[in-house]
N, C-alpha and C. Protein backbone atom coordinates (compact mmCIF):
# COMPACT_ATOMS: atom_id res chain seq x y z
N MET A 1 14.70 11.15 3.45
CA MET A 1 15.09 9.83 2.93
C MET A 1 14.72 8.76 3.95
N ASP A 2 13.92 7.76 3.56
CA ASP A 2 13.51 6.78 4.50
C ASP A 2 14.58 5.77 4.79
N ASN A 3 14.36 4.92 5.83
CA ASN A 3 15.33 3.94 6.27
C ASN A 3 15.71 2.98 5.14
N ARG A 4 14.70 2.52 4.40
CA ARG A 4 15.02 1.55 3.34
C ARG A 4 15.89 2.14 2.28
N THR A 5 15.68 3.39 1.90
CA THR A 5 16.53 4.03 0.85
C THR A 5 17.95 4.20 1.39
N VAL A 6 18.09 4.61 2.64
CA VAL A 6 19.42 4.75 3.24
C VAL A 6 20.16 3.44 3.24
N LEU A 7 19.50 2.39 3.67
CA LEU A 7 20.15 1.08 3.70
C LEU A 7 20.54 0.62 2.32
N ARG A 8 19.64 0.78 1.34
CA ARG A 8 19.90 0.38 -0.03
C ARG A 8 21.13 1.13 -0.60
N ASN A 9 21.17 2.46 -0.40
CA ASN A 9 22.28 3.24 -0.92
C ASN A 9 23.60 2.90 -0.28
N ALA A 10 23.52 2.70 1.09
CA ALA A 10 24.76 2.33 1.83
C ALA A 10 25.33 1.00 1.36
N ALA A 11 24.40 0.03 1.17
CA ALA A 11 24.82 -1.30 0.71
C ALA A 11 25.44 -1.24 -0.68
N LEU A 12 24.85 -0.45 -1.59
CA LEU A 12 25.31 -0.32 -2.93
C LEU A 12 26.69 0.36 -2.99
N VAL A 13 26.83 1.41 -2.20
CA VAL A 13 28.13 2.10 -2.17
C VAL A 13 29.25 1.22 -1.59
N MET A 14 28.86 0.46 -0.56
CA MET A 14 29.85 -0.48 0.03
C MET A 14 30.23 -1.57 -0.93
N ALA A 15 29.19 -2.05 -1.69
CA ALA A 15 29.43 -3.08 -2.73
C ALA A 15 30.39 -2.52 -3.78
N LEU A 16 30.18 -1.26 -4.21
CA LEU A 16 31.06 -0.65 -5.21
C LEU A 16 32.50 -0.57 -4.64
N ALA A 17 32.65 -0.23 -3.40
CA ALA A 17 33.96 -0.14 -2.79
C ALA A 17 34.64 -1.53 -2.73
N PHE A 18 33.86 -2.57 -2.43
CA PHE A 18 34.38 -3.93 -2.43
C PHE A 18 34.77 -4.40 -3.83
N LEU A 19 34.00 -3.94 -4.83
CA LEU A 19 34.29 -4.27 -6.21
C LEU A 19 35.68 -3.66 -6.57
N VAL A 20 35.94 -2.44 -6.11
CA VAL A 20 37.21 -1.78 -6.37
C VAL A 20 38.35 -2.63 -5.69
N HIS A 21 38.06 -3.11 -4.46
CA HIS A 21 39.07 -3.89 -3.76
C HIS A 21 39.38 -5.20 -4.54
N VAL A 22 38.32 -5.80 -5.09
CA VAL A 22 38.47 -7.02 -5.85
C VAL A 22 39.31 -6.81 -7.09
N ILE A 23 39.00 -5.72 -7.81
CA ILE A 23 39.74 -5.35 -9.04
C ILE A 23 41.14 -5.05 -8.74
N ASN A 24 41.36 -4.29 -7.59
CA ASN A 24 42.71 -3.95 -7.17
C ASN A 24 43.52 -5.17 -6.79
N GLY A 25 42.94 -6.12 -6.06
CA GLY A 25 43.67 -7.27 -5.62
C GLY A 25 43.90 -8.28 -6.70
N LEU A 26 42.93 -8.48 -7.61
CA LEU A 26 43.04 -9.49 -8.63
C LEU A 26 43.74 -9.00 -9.93
N LEU A 27 43.69 -7.70 -10.17
CA LEU A 27 44.22 -7.17 -11.42
C LEU A 27 45.36 -6.20 -11.25
N ILE A 28 45.02 -5.05 -10.63
CA ILE A 28 45.98 -3.95 -10.57
C ILE A 28 47.24 -4.29 -9.84
N GLU A 29 47.05 -4.85 -8.56
CA GLU A 29 48.25 -5.18 -7.77
C GLU A 29 49.10 -6.29 -8.41
N ARG A 30 48.44 -7.15 -9.16
CA ARG A 30 49.20 -8.22 -9.87
C ARG A 30 49.95 -7.71 -11.05
N THR A 31 49.31 -6.92 -11.88
CA THR A 31 49.89 -6.47 -13.17
C THR A 31 50.82 -5.29 -12.96
N LEU A 32 50.47 -4.36 -12.09
CA LEU A 32 51.24 -3.13 -11.96
C LEU A 32 52.28 -3.12 -10.82
N LEU A 33 51.94 -3.86 -9.74
CA LEU A 33 52.81 -3.86 -8.60
C LEU A 33 53.57 -5.20 -8.36
N GLY A 34 53.20 -6.19 -9.08
CA GLY A 34 53.88 -7.46 -8.98
C GLY A 34 53.56 -8.39 -7.83
N PHE A 35 52.37 -8.13 -7.22
CA PHE A 35 51.96 -8.97 -6.11
C PHE A 35 51.13 -10.14 -6.67
N THR A 36 51.81 -11.25 -6.92
CA THR A 36 51.15 -12.42 -7.49
C THR A 36 50.73 -13.45 -6.49
N SER A 37 51.23 -13.27 -5.24
CA SER A 37 50.82 -14.27 -4.13
C SER A 37 50.83 -13.46 -2.82
N PHE A 38 50.22 -14.10 -1.80
CA PHE A 38 50.18 -13.42 -0.48
C PHE A 38 51.58 -13.24 0.07
N ASP A 39 52.55 -14.15 -0.25
CA ASP A 39 53.90 -14.03 0.22
C ASP A 39 54.59 -12.78 -0.28
N ASP A 40 54.16 -12.29 -1.44
CA ASP A 40 54.76 -11.05 -2.02
C ASP A 40 54.54 -9.85 -1.12
N TYR A 41 53.48 -9.90 -0.31
CA TYR A 41 53.23 -8.74 0.59
C TYR A 41 54.23 -8.68 1.72
N SER A 42 55.09 -9.67 1.82
CA SER A 42 56.20 -9.63 2.80
C SER A 42 57.54 -9.22 2.17
N ASP A 43 57.48 -8.95 0.87
CA ASP A 43 58.70 -8.56 0.16
C ASP A 43 58.85 -7.03 0.32
N VAL A 44 59.88 -6.67 1.07
CA VAL A 44 60.12 -5.24 1.43
C VAL A 44 60.35 -4.41 0.18
N ASP A 45 61.08 -4.94 -0.79
CA ASP A 45 61.39 -4.22 -2.00
C ASP A 45 60.11 -3.87 -2.80
N LYS A 46 59.18 -4.86 -2.93
CA LYS A 46 57.95 -4.63 -3.62
C LYS A 46 57.06 -3.70 -2.85
N LEU A 47 57.05 -3.82 -1.55
CA LEU A 47 56.22 -2.91 -0.76
C LEU A 47 56.71 -1.50 -0.80
N GLN A 48 58.01 -1.31 -0.84
CA GLN A 48 58.62 0.03 -0.94
C GLN A 48 58.12 0.77 -2.14
N VAL A 49 57.96 0.02 -3.26
CA VAL A 49 57.48 0.63 -4.52
C VAL A 49 55.98 0.81 -4.47
N ALA A 50 55.28 -0.13 -3.88
CA ALA A 50 53.80 -0.09 -3.87
C ALA A 50 53.26 0.98 -2.95
N ILE A 51 53.83 1.11 -1.77
CA ILE A 51 53.29 2.02 -0.77
C ILE A 51 53.42 3.44 -1.28
N GLY A 52 52.32 4.12 -1.33
CA GLY A 52 52.27 5.48 -1.83
C GLY A 52 51.98 5.62 -3.32
N SER A 53 51.86 4.47 -4.01
CA SER A 53 51.52 4.50 -5.44
C SER A 53 50.11 4.93 -5.63
N VAL A 54 49.69 5.20 -6.86
CA VAL A 54 48.33 5.58 -7.18
C VAL A 54 47.31 4.46 -6.73
N ALA A 55 47.70 3.22 -7.08
CA ALA A 55 46.83 2.08 -6.76
C ALA A 55 46.66 2.01 -5.23
N TRP A 56 47.74 2.20 -4.47
CA TRP A 56 47.76 2.13 -3.01
C TRP A 56 46.84 3.22 -2.47
N LYS A 57 46.98 4.43 -2.95
CA LYS A 57 46.16 5.55 -2.51
C LYS A 57 44.68 5.39 -2.83
N ALA A 58 44.41 4.86 -4.05
CA ALA A 58 43.05 4.56 -4.43
C ALA A 58 42.38 3.54 -3.51
N SER A 59 43.16 2.56 -3.12
CA SER A 59 42.64 1.58 -2.17
C SER A 59 42.33 2.22 -0.82
N GLY A 60 43.14 3.19 -0.42
CA GLY A 60 42.93 3.90 0.82
C GLY A 60 41.64 4.68 0.76
N VAL A 61 41.36 5.37 -0.39
CA VAL A 61 40.10 6.13 -0.53
C VAL A 61 38.93 5.17 -0.45
N GLY A 62 39.06 4.02 -1.10
CA GLY A 62 38.01 2.99 -1.01
C GLY A 62 37.70 2.53 0.41
N HIS A 63 38.78 2.39 1.22
CA HIS A 63 38.60 1.97 2.61
C HIS A 63 37.91 3.08 3.42
N PHE A 64 38.28 4.32 3.15
CA PHE A 64 37.65 5.45 3.85
C PHE A 64 36.14 5.45 3.52
N VAL A 65 35.80 5.30 2.26
CA VAL A 65 34.40 5.24 1.83
C VAL A 65 33.70 4.07 2.57
N THR A 66 34.36 2.92 2.59
CA THR A 66 33.82 1.74 3.24
C THR A 66 33.58 2.02 4.75
N ALA A 67 34.49 2.68 5.37
CA ALA A 67 34.36 2.98 6.81
C ALA A 67 33.12 3.80 7.05
N PHE A 68 32.80 4.74 6.20
CA PHE A 68 31.63 5.63 6.38
C PHE A 68 30.33 4.84 6.13
N VAL A 69 30.26 4.13 5.00
CA VAL A 69 29.01 3.47 4.63
C VAL A 69 28.70 2.26 5.53
N VAL A 70 29.76 1.59 6.00
CA VAL A 70 29.47 0.44 6.90
C VAL A 70 28.85 0.94 8.19
N LEU A 71 29.26 2.13 8.62
CA LEU A 71 28.65 2.69 9.81
C LEU A 71 27.21 3.02 9.57
N VAL A 72 26.93 3.67 8.45
CA VAL A 72 25.52 3.96 8.06
C VAL A 72 24.66 2.71 8.00
N LEU A 73 25.23 1.69 7.36
CA LEU A 73 24.55 0.43 7.18
C LEU A 73 24.26 -0.23 8.55
N ALA A 74 25.24 -0.28 9.37
CA ALA A 74 25.12 -0.93 10.71
C ALA A 74 24.12 -0.20 11.56
N LEU A 75 24.14 1.15 11.60
CA LEU A 75 23.22 1.88 12.46
C LEU A 75 21.83 1.76 11.92
N GLY A 76 21.66 1.77 10.54
CA GLY A 76 20.35 1.60 9.97
C GLY A 76 19.75 0.24 10.32
N LEU A 77 20.58 -0.79 10.21
CA LEU A 77 20.09 -2.14 10.50
C LEU A 77 19.78 -2.33 11.97
N ALA A 78 20.61 -1.64 12.83
CA ALA A 78 20.36 -1.72 14.27
C ALA A 78 19.05 -1.06 14.62
N GLU A 79 18.72 0.05 13.95
CA GLU A 79 17.48 0.74 14.23
C GLU A 79 16.28 -0.12 13.79
N ARG A 80 16.41 -0.82 12.68
CA ARG A 80 15.36 -1.72 12.25
C ARG A 80 15.19 -2.85 13.19
N ALA A 81 16.31 -3.43 13.65
CA ALA A 81 16.26 -4.55 14.61
C ALA A 81 15.62 -4.06 15.94
N ARG A 82 15.95 -2.88 16.37
CA ARG A 82 15.38 -2.34 17.58
C ARG A 82 13.87 -2.21 17.51
N ARG A 83 13.39 -1.76 16.33
CA ARG A 83 11.94 -1.61 16.18
C ARG A 83 11.18 -2.91 16.15
N THR A 84 11.90 -4.01 15.81
CA THR A 84 11.23 -5.31 15.84
C THR A 84 11.40 -6.01 17.21
N GLY A 85 12.05 -5.34 18.14
CA GLY A 85 12.23 -5.85 19.48
C GLY A 85 13.39 -6.86 19.62
N TYR A 86 14.27 -6.90 18.63
CA TYR A 86 15.41 -7.83 18.69
C TYR A 86 16.42 -7.38 19.74
N GLY A 87 16.69 -8.23 20.69
CA GLY A 87 17.47 -7.89 21.88
C GLY A 87 18.94 -7.52 21.52
N ALA A 88 19.48 -8.07 20.48
CA ALA A 88 20.89 -7.82 20.13
C ALA A 88 21.08 -6.70 19.14
N HIS A 89 20.10 -5.80 19.06
CA HIS A 89 20.21 -4.68 18.10
C HIS A 89 21.46 -3.83 18.33
N ALA A 90 21.76 -3.66 19.63
CA ALA A 90 22.97 -2.80 19.95
C ALA A 90 24.23 -3.48 19.46
N LEU A 91 24.23 -4.83 19.45
CA LEU A 91 25.42 -5.55 18.97
C LEU A 91 25.69 -5.24 17.51
N ILE A 92 24.61 -5.12 16.69
CA ILE A 92 24.79 -4.82 15.33
C ILE A 92 25.46 -3.47 15.16
N ALA A 93 25.06 -2.49 15.91
CA ALA A 93 25.62 -1.15 15.84
C ALA A 93 27.11 -1.18 16.33
N ALA A 94 27.36 -1.95 17.38
CA ALA A 94 28.69 -2.00 17.94
C ALA A 94 29.70 -2.69 16.97
N LEU A 95 29.29 -3.78 16.38
CA LEU A 95 30.11 -4.50 15.43
C LEU A 95 30.40 -3.62 14.18
N GLY A 96 29.38 -2.91 13.71
CA GLY A 96 29.55 -2.00 12.61
C GLY A 96 30.52 -0.82 12.96
N THR A 97 30.42 -0.34 14.15
CA THR A 97 31.30 0.74 14.59
C THR A 97 32.77 0.33 14.59
N VAL A 98 33.03 -0.89 15.15
CA VAL A 98 34.41 -1.37 15.20
C VAL A 98 34.90 -1.69 13.78
N ALA A 99 34.04 -2.26 12.96
CA ALA A 99 34.47 -2.52 11.59
C ALA A 99 34.81 -1.22 10.87
N ALA A 100 34.00 -0.20 11.09
CA ALA A 100 34.26 1.10 10.48
C ALA A 100 35.66 1.67 10.93
N ALA A 101 35.97 1.45 12.24
CA ALA A 101 37.24 1.92 12.72
C ALA A 101 38.39 1.21 12.02
N GLY A 102 38.22 -0.12 11.82
CA GLY A 102 39.22 -0.88 11.12
C GLY A 102 39.47 -0.42 9.74
N PHE A 103 38.35 -0.22 8.92
CA PHE A 103 38.47 0.26 7.56
C PHE A 103 39.05 1.66 7.56
N GLY A 104 38.74 2.48 8.51
CA GLY A 104 39.24 3.85 8.61
C GLY A 104 40.79 3.86 8.82
N ILE A 105 41.23 2.95 9.67
CA ILE A 105 42.67 2.82 9.92
C ILE A 105 43.46 2.44 8.68
N ILE A 106 42.84 1.48 7.90
CA ILE A 106 43.50 1.09 6.67
C ILE A 106 43.57 2.27 5.68
N GLY A 107 42.46 3.02 5.63
CA GLY A 107 42.49 4.21 4.74
C GLY A 107 43.57 5.20 5.14
N ALA A 108 43.70 5.44 6.47
CA ALA A 108 44.68 6.37 6.93
C ALA A 108 46.09 5.84 6.72
N ALA A 109 46.29 4.54 6.89
CA ALA A 109 47.63 3.96 6.68
C ALA A 109 47.99 4.04 5.22
N ASN A 110 47.04 3.82 4.29
CA ASN A 110 47.38 3.90 2.87
C ASN A 110 47.57 5.32 2.39
N GLY A 111 47.04 6.28 3.07
CA GLY A 111 47.16 7.66 2.69
C GLY A 111 48.27 8.40 3.45
N ILE A 112 47.88 9.00 4.58
CA ILE A 112 48.91 9.76 5.37
C ILE A 112 49.99 8.86 5.93
N GLY A 113 49.67 7.57 6.17
CA GLY A 113 50.71 6.67 6.68
C GLY A 113 51.82 6.46 5.67
N ALA A 114 51.47 6.36 4.39
CA ALA A 114 52.44 6.18 3.36
C ALA A 114 53.31 7.40 3.23
N GLN A 115 52.71 8.58 3.36
CA GLN A 115 53.44 9.86 3.24
C GLN A 115 54.43 9.97 4.45
N VAL A 116 53.98 9.63 5.62
CA VAL A 116 54.89 9.72 6.81
C VAL A 116 56.02 8.74 6.66
N MET A 117 55.73 7.53 6.13
CA MET A 117 56.80 6.52 5.95
C MET A 117 57.91 7.05 5.03
N HIS A 118 57.49 7.63 3.92
CA HIS A 118 58.48 8.19 3.00
C HIS A 118 59.26 9.38 3.56
N LEU A 119 58.55 10.20 4.36
CA LEU A 119 59.25 11.33 5.02
C LEU A 119 60.30 10.85 5.97
N LEU A 120 59.98 9.84 6.78
CA LEU A 120 60.92 9.24 7.71
C LEU A 120 62.13 8.69 6.97
N GLN A 121 61.91 8.06 5.87
CA GLN A 121 63.02 7.51 5.07
C GLN A 121 63.88 8.59 4.48
N ASP A 122 63.23 9.69 3.98
CA ASP A 122 63.99 10.77 3.37
C ASP A 122 64.86 11.56 4.38
N HIS A 123 64.33 11.71 5.58
CA HIS A 123 65.01 12.49 6.57
C HIS A 123 65.91 11.68 7.55
N ASN A 124 65.91 10.39 7.36
CA ASN A 124 66.76 9.56 8.21
C ASN A 124 67.48 8.52 7.34
N PRO A 125 68.41 9.01 6.49
CA PRO A 125 69.09 8.15 5.53
C PRO A 125 69.94 7.09 6.22
N SER A 126 70.31 7.29 7.48
CA SER A 126 71.19 6.33 8.17
C SER A 126 70.37 5.15 8.69
N VAL A 127 69.09 5.29 8.74
CA VAL A 127 68.23 4.25 9.21
C VAL A 127 67.80 3.34 8.05
N PRO A 128 67.95 2.02 8.17
CA PRO A 128 67.49 1.14 7.06
C PRO A 128 66.06 1.37 6.71
N PRO A 129 65.72 1.55 5.44
CA PRO A 129 64.32 1.89 5.01
C PRO A 129 63.36 0.70 5.30
N ALA A 130 63.88 -0.50 5.43
CA ALA A 130 63.01 -1.62 5.67
C ALA A 130 62.19 -1.50 6.94
N GLY A 131 62.79 -0.86 7.92
CA GLY A 131 62.07 -0.72 9.21
C GLY A 131 60.74 -0.04 9.11
N ALA A 132 60.71 1.10 8.39
CA ALA A 132 59.49 1.86 8.23
C ALA A 132 58.50 1.09 7.41
N VAL A 133 58.97 0.40 6.41
CA VAL A 133 58.11 -0.37 5.49
C VAL A 133 57.43 -1.50 6.30
N VAL A 134 58.19 -2.21 7.09
CA VAL A 134 57.70 -3.31 7.87
C VAL A 134 56.66 -2.76 8.90
N ALA A 135 56.93 -1.65 9.50
CA ALA A 135 56.08 -1.15 10.50
C ALA A 135 54.70 -0.81 9.93
N LEU A 136 54.73 -0.14 8.77
CA LEU A 136 53.48 0.22 8.13
C LEU A 136 52.72 -1.01 7.58
N SER A 137 53.47 -1.93 7.02
CA SER A 137 52.90 -3.12 6.45
C SER A 137 52.22 -4.05 7.50
N LEU A 138 52.63 -3.90 8.73
CA LEU A 138 52.01 -4.67 9.81
C LEU A 138 50.62 -4.11 10.19
N ILE A 139 50.52 -2.76 10.10
CA ILE A 139 49.29 -2.12 10.52
C ILE A 139 48.11 -2.53 9.62
N VAL A 140 48.37 -2.54 8.30
CA VAL A 140 47.25 -2.73 7.33
C VAL A 140 46.59 -4.10 7.50
N PRO A 141 47.35 -5.23 7.48
CA PRO A 141 46.65 -6.51 7.63
C PRO A 141 45.97 -6.70 8.96
N ILE A 142 46.53 -6.12 10.01
CA ILE A 142 45.90 -6.21 11.34
C ILE A 142 44.57 -5.45 11.33
N ALA A 143 44.58 -4.23 10.83
CA ALA A 143 43.34 -3.45 10.75
C ALA A 143 42.33 -4.08 9.80
N ASN A 144 42.82 -4.64 8.73
CA ASN A 144 41.94 -5.36 7.77
C ASN A 144 41.28 -6.54 8.43
N ALA A 145 42.02 -7.34 9.17
CA ALA A 145 41.45 -8.49 9.85
C ALA A 145 40.37 -8.02 10.87
N LEU A 146 40.66 -6.95 11.58
CA LEU A 146 39.68 -6.40 12.52
C LEU A 146 38.45 -5.98 11.83
N ALA A 147 38.54 -5.26 10.70
CA ALA A 147 37.37 -4.78 10.03
C ALA A 147 36.55 -5.97 9.46
N ILE A 148 37.21 -6.92 8.79
CA ILE A 148 36.56 -8.00 8.14
C ILE A 148 35.89 -8.93 9.13
N THR A 149 36.59 -9.25 10.22
CA THR A 149 35.95 -10.12 11.22
C THR A 149 34.78 -9.47 11.92
N MET A 150 34.85 -8.16 12.18
CA MET A 150 33.70 -7.49 12.81
C MET A 150 32.53 -7.41 11.87
N PHE A 151 32.81 -7.22 10.59
CA PHE A 151 31.70 -7.16 9.65
C PHE A 151 31.07 -8.57 9.46
N GLY A 152 31.95 -9.57 9.55
CA GLY A 152 31.47 -10.94 9.49
C GLY A 152 30.57 -11.23 10.68
N GLY A 153 30.93 -10.77 11.87
CA GLY A 153 30.06 -10.93 13.03
C GLY A 153 28.76 -10.17 12.89
N LEU A 154 28.82 -9.00 12.23
CA LEU A 154 27.63 -8.24 11.94
C LEU A 154 26.66 -9.03 11.01
N LEU A 155 27.22 -9.60 9.99
CA LEU A 155 26.38 -10.36 9.05
C LEU A 155 25.68 -11.54 9.72
N ILE A 156 26.42 -12.23 10.61
CA ILE A 156 25.81 -13.34 11.33
C ILE A 156 24.72 -12.83 12.26
N THR A 157 24.97 -11.78 13.00
CA THR A 157 23.95 -11.21 13.89
C THR A 157 22.71 -10.73 13.13
N VAL A 158 22.96 -10.12 12.01
CA VAL A 158 21.84 -9.66 11.16
C VAL A 158 21.06 -10.82 10.60
N SER A 159 21.75 -11.92 10.28
CA SER A 159 21.09 -13.07 9.76
C SER A 159 20.18 -13.73 10.78
N VAL A 160 20.65 -13.77 12.04
CA VAL A 160 19.86 -14.32 13.13
C VAL A 160 18.61 -13.50 13.28
N TRP A 161 18.75 -12.15 13.28
CA TRP A 161 17.60 -11.26 13.34
C TRP A 161 16.67 -11.42 12.19
N GLY A 162 17.22 -11.52 10.95
CA GLY A 162 16.39 -11.62 9.78
C GLY A 162 15.62 -12.93 9.75
N ARG A 163 16.20 -13.99 10.27
CA ARG A 163 15.55 -15.30 10.29
C ARG A 163 14.43 -15.25 11.34
N ARG A 164 14.64 -14.69 12.50
CA ARG A 164 13.67 -14.74 13.59
C ARG A 164 12.46 -13.88 13.28
N THR A 165 12.73 -12.77 12.63
CA THR A 165 11.61 -11.81 12.39
C THR A 165 11.05 -11.85 10.99
N GLY A 166 11.73 -12.60 10.11
CA GLY A 166 11.23 -12.65 8.74
C GLY A 166 11.59 -11.41 7.96
N SER A 167 12.54 -10.60 8.48
CA SER A 167 12.93 -9.38 7.83
C SER A 167 13.84 -9.56 6.64
N LEU A 168 14.44 -10.74 6.53
CA LEU A 168 15.31 -11.08 5.40
C LEU A 168 14.86 -12.37 4.81
N GLY A 169 14.99 -12.53 3.50
CA GLY A 169 14.62 -13.77 2.82
C GLY A 169 15.54 -14.94 3.26
N ARG A 170 15.07 -16.15 3.13
CA ARG A 170 15.85 -17.36 3.53
C ARG A 170 17.20 -17.38 2.84
N GLY A 171 17.22 -17.16 1.53
CA GLY A 171 18.49 -17.21 0.82
C GLY A 171 19.50 -16.23 1.30
N LEU A 172 19.05 -14.98 1.58
CA LEU A 172 19.92 -13.97 2.09
C LEU A 172 20.48 -14.32 3.46
N VAL A 173 19.61 -14.94 4.28
CA VAL A 173 20.03 -15.39 5.61
C VAL A 173 21.13 -16.44 5.54
N VAL A 174 20.93 -17.39 4.64
CA VAL A 174 21.96 -18.46 4.47
C VAL A 174 23.29 -17.87 3.97
N LEU A 175 23.15 -16.96 2.98
CA LEU A 175 24.39 -16.34 2.47
C LEU A 175 25.06 -15.49 3.55
N GLY A 176 24.23 -14.83 4.44
CA GLY A 176 24.77 -14.02 5.49
C GLY A 176 25.65 -14.86 6.45
N TRP A 177 25.16 -16.10 6.71
CA TRP A 177 25.94 -16.97 7.56
C TRP A 177 27.22 -17.41 6.93
N ILE A 178 27.13 -17.80 5.67
CA ILE A 178 28.31 -18.24 4.93
C ILE A 178 29.37 -17.09 4.81
N ALA A 179 28.86 -15.94 4.43
CA ALA A 179 29.79 -14.78 4.29
C ALA A 179 30.36 -14.37 5.65
N GLY A 180 29.50 -14.41 6.69
CA GLY A 180 30.00 -14.05 8.01
C GLY A 180 31.09 -14.96 8.51
N VAL A 181 30.90 -16.28 8.33
CA VAL A 181 31.88 -17.26 8.78
C VAL A 181 33.21 -17.05 7.96
N SER A 182 33.05 -16.78 6.66
CA SER A 182 34.23 -16.56 5.82
C SER A 182 35.01 -15.37 6.33
N GLY A 183 34.32 -14.32 6.83
CA GLY A 183 34.98 -13.16 7.42
C GLY A 183 35.69 -13.49 8.72
N LEU A 184 35.06 -14.31 9.54
CA LEU A 184 35.63 -14.63 10.84
C LEU A 184 36.95 -15.39 10.68
N LEU A 185 37.09 -16.12 9.58
CA LEU A 185 38.34 -16.88 9.30
C LEU A 185 39.51 -15.94 9.21
N MET A 186 39.29 -14.68 8.83
CA MET A 186 40.42 -13.73 8.71
C MET A 186 41.12 -13.44 10.01
N ALA A 187 40.49 -13.82 11.12
CA ALA A 187 41.13 -13.63 12.40
C ALA A 187 42.24 -14.70 12.62
N PHE A 188 42.23 -15.74 11.79
CA PHE A 188 43.19 -16.84 11.96
C PHE A 188 44.11 -17.07 10.73
N ALA A 189 43.58 -16.76 9.59
CA ALA A 189 44.38 -17.03 8.37
C ALA A 189 43.89 -16.12 7.22
N TYR A 190 44.76 -15.83 6.27
CA TYR A 190 44.44 -15.02 5.11
C TYR A 190 43.66 -15.86 4.12
N VAL A 191 42.32 -15.81 4.17
CA VAL A 191 41.44 -16.52 3.25
C VAL A 191 40.51 -15.51 2.67
N PRO A 192 40.85 -14.90 1.46
CA PRO A 192 40.11 -13.73 0.96
C PRO A 192 38.77 -14.10 0.27
N ALA A 193 38.18 -15.26 0.56
CA ALA A 193 36.86 -15.61 0.01
C ALA A 193 35.79 -14.59 0.38
N TYR A 194 35.98 -13.92 1.53
CA TYR A 194 35.03 -12.94 2.00
C TYR A 194 34.79 -11.83 0.98
N LEU A 195 35.78 -11.50 0.20
CA LEU A 195 35.65 -10.39 -0.76
C LEU A 195 34.45 -10.59 -1.69
N PHE A 196 34.35 -11.81 -2.27
CA PHE A 196 33.30 -12.10 -3.16
C PHE A 196 31.98 -12.30 -2.43
N LEU A 197 32.01 -13.00 -1.34
CA LEU A 197 30.82 -13.28 -0.56
C LEU A 197 30.17 -12.00 0.00
N TYR A 198 31.00 -11.08 0.54
CA TYR A 198 30.51 -9.80 1.05
C TYR A 198 29.86 -9.02 -0.09
N LEU A 199 30.55 -9.00 -1.23
CA LEU A 199 30.06 -8.25 -2.41
C LEU A 199 28.69 -8.77 -2.82
N VAL A 200 28.52 -10.09 -2.93
CA VAL A 200 27.25 -10.66 -3.33
C VAL A 200 26.18 -10.34 -2.28
N TRP A 201 26.53 -10.47 -1.02
CA TRP A 201 25.51 -10.24 0.03
C TRP A 201 25.01 -8.78 -0.03
N LEU A 202 25.95 -7.85 -0.21
CA LEU A 202 25.59 -6.42 -0.27
C LEU A 202 24.69 -6.10 -1.43
N VAL A 203 25.01 -6.65 -2.59
CA VAL A 203 24.16 -6.41 -3.77
C VAL A 203 22.77 -7.05 -3.57
N TRP A 204 22.78 -8.29 -3.10
CA TRP A 204 21.49 -8.97 -2.86
C TRP A 204 20.67 -8.24 -1.88
N PHE A 205 21.24 -7.80 -0.76
CA PHE A 205 20.51 -7.08 0.25
C PHE A 205 19.94 -5.79 -0.33
N ALA A 206 20.79 -5.06 -1.10
CA ALA A 206 20.36 -3.76 -1.63
C ALA A 206 19.13 -3.93 -2.58
N THR A 207 19.14 -5.02 -3.33
CA THR A 207 18.06 -5.19 -4.27
C THR A 207 16.80 -5.84 -3.74
N THR A 208 16.90 -6.34 -2.47
CA THR A 208 15.73 -6.99 -1.89
C THR A 208 15.28 -6.37 -0.58
N VAL A 209 15.96 -5.32 -0.10
CA VAL A 209 15.60 -4.76 1.21
C VAL A 209 14.14 -4.26 1.21
N ARG A 210 13.44 -4.57 2.25
CA ARG A 210 12.02 -4.26 2.28
C ARG A 210 11.69 -3.64 3.63
N GLU A 211 10.39 -3.30 3.79
CA GLU A 211 10.02 -2.72 5.04
C GLU A 211 10.16 -3.73 6.17
N PRO A 212 10.62 -3.25 7.33
CA PRO A 212 10.88 -4.18 8.46
C PRO A 212 9.64 -4.83 9.02
N ALA A 213 9.81 -6.08 9.45
CA ALA A 213 8.67 -6.70 10.13
C ALA A 213 8.42 -6.06 11.50
N THR A 214 7.30 -6.36 12.09
CA THR A 214 6.96 -5.76 13.37
C THR A 214 6.87 -6.74 14.51
N THR A 215 7.22 -8.04 14.23
CA THR A 215 7.14 -9.03 15.22
C THR A 215 8.20 -8.84 16.28
N SER A 216 7.78 -8.90 17.51
CA SER A 216 8.74 -8.73 18.62
C SER A 216 9.44 -10.06 18.92
N VAL A 217 10.70 -9.99 19.31
CA VAL A 217 11.53 -11.17 19.57
C VAL A 217 11.92 -11.15 21.03
């Protein structure tokens, strides 16, 4: 399988995972779990019901898949950038690796983390259950912010490479900057615009990926 096919498949799988996240956040969590605003994610009673639910576990699987494919995508892009002589090719791989770690932590927290939380509550009835819920609910947004901001940095770095070498179209470069900046905002505030922008970038990239340029930078 050549590099272009690997990149296309990785981008499409990651786009599918993000589509699941969008559906989960906009529909399933609102209708089935009662999360109608960001403030609801601080409601211990709602979190107690949500953590470990089918929707919660499905989200965890989606994040594990995202962790794997973002690593494949980042390493594939880094290899392309290296072949064109782009000096920051290692940064693309590094940002993708850290993003993958963040997505992996979310997947683990939604899966085994939820099981451990319920075990702690079942075997320690004298301890208020809110403590375990709060502890787990802190891990997920922190790991999510790490993953999203690192992928945002990756998109910006890739856009710089794509513009300098002509490896990406102008429209995709512009979208990469916009999507990347939207991801970096997650380091400071919960602004989920990145969900849609990342999804569009991934689909656009997958449908337009071409053979890399050979111009040295």
